[in-house]
Amino acid sequence: MRPRYSLARRKAAELIQSAKIVQAPVPVEKLAERAGASVRYEPFEGQMSGLLYRTDGGSIIGVNSLHPAVRQRFTVAHEIGHLLLHEPQFHIDEHAFVVFRNPESSKASDPAEVEANQFAAALLMPEGLIAKSVRELGQNPDAEKAIRQLAELFEVSQHAMTIRLKNLGWLTP
């Protein structure tokens, strides 16, 4: 299976539009609730960033409270992506499913993880809001300063913002 990039971006845009989000930062917890999940923060041992627990009664997104806030926001968005894009991957019991977010999630080897990452980027850094924010920076802003300011505004890491700007064609590789 190949990653469905356009589906991931479309689902993120639909969620943002349905919640009438018009400015950064995107309220990711509010969007999780809108998608049918509650968010819980707990300290996880090791490198696990988060998990998605599904039951017939709803879904819970678990987030590693030991990680930086920007990482936590990306994890919530990533798990919303799994919730909206994918069937459950691990069967725990008759009515509950879990998807774990771990170091493999950031590698481009699993199409479901690639899609969830694409969804998370589009959700946290919507193209329209990025364009508006870049225009507000003025003509020819210093790239490093602009990335720092945009990352702060959108409450994402500078690394995530850099990747998003490159993918949108605002930065050259």
N, C-alpha and C. Protein backbone atom coordinates (compact mmCIF):
# COMPACT_ATOMS: atom_id res chain seq x y z
N MET A 1 0.83 -1.18 0.00
CA MET A 1 0.00 0.00 0.00
C MET A 1 0.88 1.25 0.00
N ARG A 2 0.54 2.19 -0.84
CA ARG A 2 1.26 3.46 -0.89
C ARG A 2 0.54 4.47 0.00
N PRO A 3 1.28 5.40 0.59
CA PRO A 3 0.63 6.44 1.42
C PRO A 3 -0.36 7.27 0.61
N ARG A 4 -1.48 7.58 1.22
CA ARG A 4 -2.53 8.38 0.58
C ARG A 4 -2.40 9.83 1.08
N TYR A 5 -1.42 10.53 0.52
CA TYR A 5 -1.11 11.89 0.96
C TYR A 5 -2.31 12.82 0.84
N SER A 6 -2.97 12.80 -0.31
CA SER A 6 -4.07 13.74 -0.53
C SER A 6 -5.23 13.45 0.41
N LEU A 7 -5.49 12.18 0.70
CA LEU A 7 -6.55 11.84 1.64
C LEU A 7 -6.22 12.39 3.03
N ALA A 8 -4.99 12.21 3.47
CA ALA A 8 -4.58 12.70 4.78
C ALA A 8 -4.74 14.22 4.86
N ARG A 9 -4.28 14.92 3.84
CA ARG A 9 -4.41 16.39 3.84
C ARG A 9 -5.87 16.83 3.79
N ARG A 10 -6.68 16.13 2.99
CA ARG A 10 -8.09 16.48 2.87
C ARG A 10 -8.83 16.27 4.18
N LYS A 11 -8.57 15.15 4.86
CA LYS A 11 -9.23 14.87 6.14
C LYS A 11 -8.85 15.92 7.19
N ALA A 12 -7.58 16.34 7.20
CA ALA A 12 -7.15 17.38 8.14
C ALA A 12 -7.86 18.69 7.82
N ALA A 13 -7.93 19.06 6.55
CA ALA A 13 -8.59 20.30 6.15
C ALA A 13 -10.08 20.27 6.50
N GLU A 14 -10.72 19.13 6.31
CA GLU A 14 -12.14 19.00 6.65
C GLU A 14 -12.37 19.21 8.15
N LEU A 15 -11.50 18.65 8.97
CA LEU A 15 -11.63 18.79 10.41
C LEU A 15 -11.44 20.24 10.83
N ILE A 16 -10.45 20.89 10.27
CA ILE A 16 -10.19 22.31 10.57
C ILE A 16 -11.38 23.17 10.13
N GLN A 17 -11.89 22.91 8.94
CA GLN A 17 -13.01 23.68 8.42
C GLN A 17 -14.27 23.45 9.27
N SER A 18 -14.53 22.21 9.65
CA SER A 18 -15.73 21.92 10.43
C SER A 18 -15.69 22.59 11.80
N ALA A 19 -14.48 22.80 12.33
CA ALA A 19 -14.33 23.45 13.64
C ALA A 19 -14.17 24.96 13.51
N LYS A 20 -14.16 25.45 12.26
CA LYS A 20 -14.03 26.89 11.99
C LYS A 20 -12.76 27.50 12.59
N ILE A 21 -11.64 26.79 12.41
CA ILE A 21 -10.34 27.26 12.89
C ILE A 21 -9.81 28.27 11.88
N VAL A 22 -9.54 29.51 12.33
CA VAL A 22 -9.09 30.55 11.41
C VAL A 22 -7.78 31.21 11.86
N GLN A 23 -7.22 30.76 12.96
CA GLN A 23 -5.93 31.32 13.39
C GLN A 23 -5.13 30.28 14.15
N ALA A 24 -3.83 30.51 14.16
CA ALA A 24 -2.91 29.62 14.88
C ALA A 24 -2.80 30.10 16.33
N PRO A 25 -2.48 29.20 17.23
CA PRO A 25 -2.26 27.77 17.04
C PRO A 25 -3.58 27.00 16.94
N VAL A 26 -3.54 25.92 16.21
CA VAL A 26 -4.70 25.06 16.06
C VAL A 26 -4.96 24.37 17.40
N PRO A 27 -6.19 24.43 17.91
CA PRO A 27 -6.51 23.80 19.20
C PRO A 27 -6.67 22.28 19.06
N VAL A 28 -5.57 21.58 19.11
CA VAL A 28 -5.53 20.16 18.76
C VAL A 28 -6.39 19.30 19.71
N GLU A 29 -6.45 19.65 20.98
CA GLU A 29 -7.29 18.86 21.90
C GLU A 29 -8.77 19.02 21.55
N LYS A 30 -9.17 20.23 21.20
CA LYS A 30 -10.56 20.48 20.78
C LYS A 30 -10.88 19.64 19.54
N LEU A 31 -9.92 19.55 18.62
CA LEU A 31 -10.14 18.77 17.40
C LEU A 31 -10.17 17.28 17.71
N ALA A 32 -9.41 16.84 18.68
CA ALA A 32 -9.46 15.43 19.10
C ALA A 32 -10.86 15.11 19.60
N GLU A 33 -11.41 15.98 20.44
CA GLU A 33 -12.76 15.78 20.94
C GLU A 33 -13.77 15.76 19.80
N ARG A 34 -13.60 16.67 18.86
CA ARG A 34 -14.50 16.74 17.71
C ARG A 34 -14.43 15.44 16.89
N ALA A 35 -13.26 14.81 16.87
CA ALA A 35 -13.08 13.56 16.13
C ALA A 35 -13.52 12.34 16.94
N GLY A 36 -13.94 12.57 18.19
CA GLY A 36 -14.45 11.47 19.01
C GLY A 36 -13.46 10.88 19.99
N ALA A 37 -12.42 11.62 20.34
CA ALA A 37 -11.40 11.09 21.26
C ALA A 37 -11.16 12.07 22.40
N SER A 38 -10.87 11.52 23.55
CA SER A 38 -10.41 12.36 24.66
C SER A 38 -8.90 12.17 24.76
N VAL A 39 -8.22 13.17 25.28
CA VAL A 39 -6.76 13.14 25.37
C VAL A 39 -6.36 12.99 26.84
N ARG A 40 -5.44 12.08 27.09
CA ARG A 40 -4.91 11.84 28.44
C ARG A 40 -3.39 11.92 28.38
N TYR A 41 -2.81 12.61 29.35
CA TYR A 41 -1.36 12.78 29.42
C TYR A 41 -0.83 11.94 30.58
N GLU A 42 0.11 11.06 30.28
CA GLU A 42 0.73 10.19 31.28
C GLU A 42 2.21 10.04 30.96
N PRO A 43 3.04 9.84 31.98
CA PRO A 43 4.46 9.58 31.69
C PRO A 43 4.64 8.15 31.20
N PHE A 44 5.18 7.99 29.99
CA PHE A 44 5.45 6.68 29.43
C PHE A 44 6.94 6.39 29.52
N GLU A 45 7.27 5.20 29.88
CA GLU A 45 8.67 4.77 29.91
C GLU A 45 9.18 4.66 28.48
N GLY A 46 10.45 4.88 28.28
CA GLY A 46 11.06 4.69 26.97
C GLY A 46 10.71 5.79 25.99
N GLN A 47 10.73 5.44 24.70
CA GLN A 47 10.57 6.41 23.63
C GLN A 47 9.14 6.56 23.11
N MET A 48 8.19 5.81 23.65
CA MET A 48 6.83 5.87 23.13
C MET A 48 6.26 7.28 23.30
N SER A 49 5.75 7.84 22.20
CA SER A 49 5.18 9.19 22.22
C SER A 49 3.70 9.18 22.57
N GLY A 50 2.98 8.18 22.08
CA GLY A 50 1.56 8.16 22.32
C GLY A 50 0.90 6.89 21.84
N LEU A 51 -0.40 6.81 22.10
CA LEU A 51 -1.17 5.65 21.67
C LEU A 51 -2.60 6.05 21.43
N LEU A 52 -3.28 5.24 20.68
CA LEU A 52 -4.70 5.43 20.41
C LEU A 52 -5.41 4.18 20.89
N TYR A 53 -6.34 4.35 21.81
CA TYR A 53 -7.12 3.25 22.36
C TYR A 53 -8.56 3.45 21.93
N ARG A 54 -9.09 2.46 21.19
CA ARG A 54 -10.45 2.58 20.67
C ARG A 54 -11.36 1.57 21.34
N THR A 55 -12.55 2.02 21.68
CA THR A 55 -13.60 1.14 22.16
C THR A 55 -14.89 1.54 21.46
N ASP A 56 -15.92 0.76 21.66
CA ASP A 56 -17.22 1.12 21.08
C ASP A 56 -17.75 2.41 21.69
N GLY A 57 -17.32 2.73 22.91
CA GLY A 57 -17.80 3.92 23.60
C GLY A 57 -17.03 5.18 23.29
N GLY A 58 -15.97 5.10 22.51
CA GLY A 58 -15.16 6.27 22.19
C GLY A 58 -13.70 5.90 22.11
N SER A 59 -12.87 6.90 21.94
CA SER A 59 -11.43 6.67 21.80
C SER A 59 -10.67 7.55 22.79
N ILE A 60 -9.51 7.04 23.18
CA ILE A 60 -8.63 7.79 24.07
C ILE A 60 -7.27 7.90 23.39
N ILE A 61 -6.75 9.12 23.34
CA ILE A 61 -5.40 9.35 22.85
C ILE A 61 -4.53 9.54 24.09
N GLY A 62 -3.57 8.65 24.25
CA GLY A 62 -2.61 8.75 25.35
C GLY A 62 -1.35 9.42 24.85
N VAL A 63 -0.85 10.40 25.61
CA VAL A 63 0.31 11.19 25.19
C VAL A 63 1.35 11.15 26.30
N ASN A 64 2.60 10.98 25.91
CA ASN A 64 3.71 10.95 26.86
C ASN A 64 3.91 12.35 27.45
N SER A 65 3.57 12.50 28.72
CA SER A 65 3.68 13.80 29.38
C SER A 65 5.12 14.22 29.65
N LEU A 66 6.06 13.31 29.43
CA LEU A 66 7.48 13.63 29.63
C LEU A 66 8.09 14.31 28.41
N HIS A 67 7.40 14.28 27.29
CA HIS A 67 7.91 14.90 26.06
C HIS A 67 7.62 16.39 26.04
N PRO A 68 8.39 17.15 25.26
CA PRO A 68 8.14 18.60 25.14
C PRO A 68 6.72 18.87 24.62
N ALA A 69 6.17 20.02 24.97
CA ALA A 69 4.80 20.38 24.58
C ALA A 69 4.58 20.32 23.07
N VAL A 70 5.56 20.77 22.29
CA VAL A 70 5.38 20.74 20.83
C VAL A 70 5.30 19.31 20.32
N ARG A 71 6.05 18.42 20.95
CA ARG A 71 6.00 17.00 20.58
C ARG A 71 4.65 16.40 20.96
N GLN A 72 4.15 16.79 22.12
CA GLN A 72 2.85 16.30 22.57
C GLN A 72 1.75 16.72 21.59
N ARG A 73 1.80 17.97 21.14
CA ARG A 73 0.79 18.44 20.18
C ARG A 73 0.86 17.63 18.88
N PHE A 74 2.07 17.36 18.40
CA PHE A 74 2.21 16.59 17.17
C PHE A 74 1.67 15.17 17.38
N THR A 75 1.94 14.60 18.55
CA THR A 75 1.46 13.25 18.86
C THR A 75 -0.06 13.20 18.85
N VAL A 76 -0.71 14.18 19.47
CA VAL A 76 -2.17 14.22 19.47
C VAL A 76 -2.68 14.28 18.03
N ALA A 77 -2.10 15.17 17.23
CA ALA A 77 -2.52 15.30 15.83
C ALA A 77 -2.28 14.01 15.05
N HIS A 78 -1.15 13.37 15.29
CA HIS A 78 -0.81 12.11 14.62
C HIS A 78 -1.85 11.04 14.96
N GLU A 79 -2.22 10.94 16.22
CA GLU A 79 -3.19 9.92 16.64
C GLU A 79 -4.59 10.24 16.11
N ILE A 80 -4.94 11.52 16.00
CA ILE A 80 -6.21 11.87 15.35
C ILE A 80 -6.18 11.36 13.91
N GLY A 81 -5.02 11.49 13.27
CA GLY A 81 -4.86 10.97 11.91
C GLY A 81 -5.16 9.49 11.84
N HIS A 82 -4.59 8.72 12.76
CA HIS A 82 -4.89 7.28 12.79
C HIS A 82 -6.38 7.04 13.00
N LEU A 83 -6.98 7.80 13.89
CA LEU A 83 -8.40 7.63 14.20
C LEU A 83 -9.26 7.84 12.97
N LEU A 84 -8.96 8.86 12.18
CA LEU A 84 -9.78 9.21 11.03
C LEU A 84 -9.41 8.48 9.74
N LEU A 85 -8.18 7.97 9.67
CA LEU A 85 -7.70 7.38 8.42
C LEU A 85 -7.58 5.86 8.41
N HIS A 86 -7.42 5.25 9.59
CA HIS A 86 -7.03 3.85 9.61
C HIS A 86 -7.91 2.98 10.48
N GLU A 87 -8.00 1.76 10.05
CA GLU A 87 -8.64 0.74 10.88
C GLU A 87 -7.68 0.40 12.01
N PRO A 88 -8.19 -0.05 13.13
CA PRO A 88 -7.31 -0.42 14.25
C PRO A 88 -6.28 -1.46 13.83
N GLN A 89 -5.06 -1.33 14.39
CA GLN A 89 -3.98 -2.23 14.03
C GLN A 89 -3.75 -3.36 15.02
N PHE A 90 -3.98 -3.12 16.29
CA PHE A 90 -3.78 -4.15 17.30
C PHE A 90 -5.07 -4.41 18.04
N HIS A 91 -5.45 -5.65 18.12
CA HIS A 91 -6.69 -6.01 18.80
C HIS A 91 -6.35 -6.39 20.23
N ILE A 92 -6.91 -5.64 21.20
CA ILE A 92 -6.63 -5.92 22.60
C ILE A 92 -7.65 -6.87 23.18
N ASP A 93 -8.92 -6.58 22.98
CA ASP A 93 -9.98 -7.51 23.35
C ASP A 93 -11.09 -7.35 22.34
N GLU A 94 -12.24 -7.87 22.64
CA GLU A 94 -13.29 -7.91 21.66
C GLU A 94 -13.70 -6.54 21.12
N HIS A 95 -13.61 -5.50 21.96
CA HIS A 95 -14.10 -4.20 21.53
C HIS A 95 -13.08 -3.08 21.64
N ALA A 96 -11.81 -3.39 21.86
CA ALA A 96 -10.83 -2.33 22.06
C ALA A 96 -9.62 -2.53 21.15
N PHE A 97 -9.12 -1.43 20.61
CA PHE A 97 -7.98 -1.47 19.70
C PHE A 97 -6.96 -0.42 20.12
N VAL A 98 -5.69 -0.69 19.85
CA VAL A 98 -4.62 0.22 20.23
C VAL A 98 -3.68 0.43 19.05
N VAL A 99 -3.25 1.67 18.85
CA VAL A 99 -2.18 1.99 17.90
C VAL A 99 -1.14 2.76 18.70
N PHE A 100 0.10 2.28 18.73
CA PHE A 100 1.17 2.94 19.47
C PHE A 100 1.95 3.87 18.56
N ARG A 101 2.37 5.02 19.07
CA ARG A 101 3.27 5.93 18.36
C ARG A 101 4.65 5.72 18.96
N ASN A 102 5.62 5.38 18.13
CA ASN A 102 6.97 5.08 18.60
C ASN A 102 7.99 5.61 17.61
N PRO A 103 9.30 5.35 17.82
CA PRO A 103 10.32 5.89 16.89
C PRO A 103 10.12 5.48 15.43
N GLU A 104 9.50 4.34 15.18
CA GLU A 104 9.26 3.91 13.79
C GLU A 104 8.27 4.82 13.08
N SER A 105 7.45 5.52 13.86
CA SER A 105 6.42 6.38 13.28
C SER A 105 7.00 7.48 12.41
N SER A 106 8.19 7.95 12.75
CA SER A 106 8.77 9.07 12.01
C SER A 106 9.51 8.61 10.76
N LYS A 107 9.70 7.32 10.60
CA LYS A 107 10.37 6.80 9.40
C LYS A 107 9.34 6.61 8.30
N ALA A 108 9.76 6.73 7.09
CA ALA A 108 8.84 6.63 5.95
C ALA A 108 8.65 5.19 5.49
N SER A 109 8.70 4.22 6.40
CA SER A 109 8.63 2.82 6.01
C SER A 109 7.22 2.25 6.08
N ASP A 110 6.36 2.78 6.92
CA ASP A 110 5.00 2.27 7.09
C ASP A 110 4.02 3.30 6.53
N PRO A 111 3.27 2.93 5.49
CA PRO A 111 2.36 3.90 4.87
C PRO A 111 1.36 4.52 5.86
N ALA A 112 0.88 3.76 6.82
CA ALA A 112 -0.07 4.30 7.80
C ALA A 112 0.59 5.38 8.64
N GLU A 113 1.84 5.19 9.00
CA GLU A 113 2.57 6.18 9.80
C GLU A 113 2.87 7.42 8.97
N VAL A 114 3.20 7.23 7.70
CA VAL A 114 3.45 8.36 6.80
C VAL A 114 2.16 9.18 6.67
N GLU A 115 1.04 8.50 6.48
CA GLU A 115 -0.24 9.20 6.37
C GLU A 115 -0.58 9.98 7.65
N ALA A 116 -0.37 9.34 8.80
CA ALA A 116 -0.67 10.01 10.07
C ALA A 116 0.23 11.22 10.27
N ASN A 117 1.50 11.13 9.86
CA ASN A 117 2.40 12.28 9.95
C ASN A 117 1.97 13.39 9.00
N GLN A 118 1.56 13.02 7.78
CA GLN A 118 1.08 14.00 6.81
C GLN A 118 -0.17 14.70 7.35
N PHE A 119 -1.07 13.92 7.93
CA PHE A 119 -2.27 14.47 8.53
C PHE A 119 -1.92 15.45 9.65
N ALA A 120 -1.01 15.04 10.53
CA ALA A 120 -0.62 15.88 11.67
C ALA A 120 -0.03 17.21 11.20
N ALA A 121 0.83 17.16 10.20
CA ALA A 121 1.43 18.39 9.68
C ALA A 121 0.37 19.31 9.10
N ALA A 122 -0.56 18.74 8.32
CA ALA A 122 -1.61 19.54 7.71
C ALA A 122 -2.58 20.07 8.76
N LEU A 123 -2.78 19.34 9.83
CA LEU A 123 -3.69 19.78 10.88
C LEU A 123 -3.08 20.89 11.72
N LEU A 124 -1.84 20.72 12.13
CA LEU A 124 -1.19 21.70 13.00
C LEU A 124 -0.71 22.94 12.26
N MET A 125 -0.41 22.77 10.98
CA MET A 125 0.14 23.86 10.17
C MET A 125 -0.62 23.96 8.85
N PRO A 126 -1.90 24.33 8.91
CA PRO A 126 -2.72 24.39 7.69
C PRO A 126 -2.12 25.34 6.65
N GLU A 127 -2.16 24.93 5.41
CA GLU A 127 -1.54 25.71 4.34
C GLU A 127 -2.03 27.15 4.30
N GLY A 128 -3.34 27.35 4.43
CA GLY A 128 -3.89 28.71 4.39
C GLY A 128 -3.39 29.58 5.52
N LEU A 129 -3.31 29.02 6.72
CA LEU A 129 -2.81 29.79 7.86
C LEU A 129 -1.31 30.06 7.75
N ILE A 130 -0.59 29.10 7.18
CA ILE A 130 0.84 29.31 6.95
C ILE A 130 1.02 30.47 5.96
N ALA A 131 0.27 30.44 4.86
CA ALA A 131 0.39 31.49 3.84
C ALA A 131 0.08 32.86 4.44
N LYS A 132 -0.98 32.95 5.22
CA LYS A 132 -1.34 34.21 5.86
C LYS A 132 -0.22 34.69 6.79
N SER A 133 0.32 33.79 7.57
CA SER A 133 1.38 34.14 8.52
C SER A 133 2.67 34.55 7.82
N VAL A 134 2.99 33.88 6.72
CA VAL A 134 4.19 34.24 5.96
C VAL A 134 4.02 35.64 5.37
N ARG A 135 2.84 35.95 4.84
CA ARG A 135 2.58 37.29 4.31
C ARG A 135 2.75 38.35 5.39
N GLU A 136 2.32 38.04 6.60
CA GLU A 136 2.41 39.00 7.71
C GLU A 136 3.86 39.24 8.14
N LEU A 137 4.76 38.33 7.78
CA LEU A 137 6.18 38.52 8.11
C LEU A 137 6.83 39.60 7.24
N GLY A 138 6.19 39.95 6.14
CA GLY A 138 6.73 40.98 5.25
C GLY A 138 7.60 40.41 4.15
N GLN A 139 8.16 41.31 3.35
CA GLN A 139 9.00 40.93 2.21
C GLN A 139 10.36 40.43 2.67
N ASN A 140 10.80 39.32 2.10
CA ASN A 140 12.14 38.75 2.31
C ASN A 140 12.58 38.66 3.78
N PRO A 141 11.82 37.98 4.61
CA PRO A 141 12.24 37.84 6.01
C PRO A 141 13.44 36.89 6.10
N ASP A 142 14.23 37.05 7.14
CA ASP A 142 15.33 36.13 7.41
C ASP A 142 14.72 34.74 7.64
N ALA A 143 15.20 33.74 6.89
CA ALA A 143 14.60 32.40 6.94
C ALA A 143 14.62 31.79 8.34
N GLU A 144 15.76 31.84 9.01
CA GLU A 144 15.86 31.24 10.35
C GLU A 144 14.93 31.93 11.34
N LYS A 145 14.90 33.24 11.27
CA LYS A 145 14.02 34.01 12.17
C LYS A 145 12.56 33.70 11.86
N ALA A 146 12.22 33.63 10.57
CA ALA A 146 10.85 33.33 10.17
C ALA A 146 10.42 31.96 10.64
N ILE A 147 11.28 30.96 10.48
CA ILE A 147 10.96 29.61 10.94
C ILE A 147 10.73 29.61 12.44
N ARG A 148 11.58 30.28 13.17
CA ARG A 148 11.45 30.36 14.63
C ARG A 148 10.12 31.02 15.02
N GLN A 149 9.79 32.14 14.36
CA GLN A 149 8.55 32.86 14.66
C GLN A 149 7.31 32.02 14.30
N LEU A 150 7.35 31.38 13.15
CA LEU A 150 6.22 30.56 12.73
C LEU A 150 6.05 29.35 13.64
N ALA A 151 7.15 28.71 14.01
CA ALA A 151 7.09 27.56 14.92
C ALA A 151 6.47 27.97 16.26
N GLU A 152 6.86 29.13 16.74
CA GLU A 152 6.30 29.65 17.99
C GLU A 152 4.81 29.92 17.85
N LEU A 153 4.42 30.58 16.77
CA LEU A 153 3.03 30.92 16.53
C LEU A 153 2.15 29.66 16.44
N PHE A 154 2.62 28.64 15.72
CA PHE A 154 1.84 27.44 15.50
C PHE A 154 2.05 26.39 16.60
N GLU A 155 2.94 26.68 17.55
CA GLU A 155 3.25 25.78 18.67
C GLU A 155 3.69 24.40 18.18
N VAL A 156 4.66 24.43 17.26
CA VAL A 156 5.29 23.22 16.73
C VAL A 156 6.80 23.40 16.84
N SER A 157 7.52 22.33 16.61
CA SER A 157 8.98 22.44 16.65
C SER A 157 9.49 23.17 15.40
N GLN A 158 10.66 23.75 15.50
CA GLN A 158 11.27 24.40 14.34
C GLN A 158 11.52 23.37 13.24
N HIS A 159 11.88 22.16 13.64
CA HIS A 159 12.12 21.09 12.67
C HIS A 159 10.83 20.78 11.89
N ALA A 160 9.71 20.64 12.62
CA ALA A 160 8.43 20.36 11.95
C ALA A 160 8.05 21.51 11.01
N MET A 161 8.26 22.74 11.45
CA MET A 161 7.92 23.89 10.62
C MET A 161 8.80 23.93 9.37
N THR A 162 10.07 23.63 9.52
CA THR A 162 10.98 23.62 8.37
C THR A 162 10.52 22.60 7.34
N ILE A 163 10.18 21.40 7.78
CA ILE A 163 9.71 20.35 6.87
C ILE A 163 8.42 20.79 6.17
N ARG A 164 7.51 21.36 6.95
CA ARG A 164 6.23 21.79 6.37
C ARG A 164 6.44 22.88 5.31
N LEU A 165 7.28 23.85 5.61
CA LEU A 165 7.56 24.92 4.65
C LEU A 165 8.22 24.38 3.39
N LYS A 166 9.11 23.41 3.54
CA LYS A 166 9.73 22.79 2.35
C LYS A 166 8.68 22.05 1.53
N ASN A 167 7.82 21.28 2.21
CA ASN A 167 6.79 20.52 1.50
C ASN A 167 5.79 21.41 0.79
N LEU A 168 5.57 22.60 1.33
CA LEU A 168 4.65 23.55 0.69
C LEU A 168 5.33 24.39 -0.38
N GLY A 169 6.64 24.24 -0.53
CA GLY A 169 7.39 24.98 -1.53
C GLY A 169 7.80 26.38 -1.11
N TRP A 170 7.68 26.68 0.19
CA TRP A 170 8.06 27.99 0.70
C TRP A 170 9.55 28.09 1.01
N LEU A 171 10.20 26.94 1.17
CA LEU A 171 11.64 26.87 1.38
C LEU A 171 12.22 25.93 0.36
N THR A 172 13.39 26.23 -0.13
CA THR A 172 14.05 25.30 -1.05
C THR A 172 14.90 24.35 -0.23
N PRO A 173 14.95 23.09 -0.64
CA PRO A 173 15.71 22.08 0.12
C PRO A 173 17.20 22.38 0.21
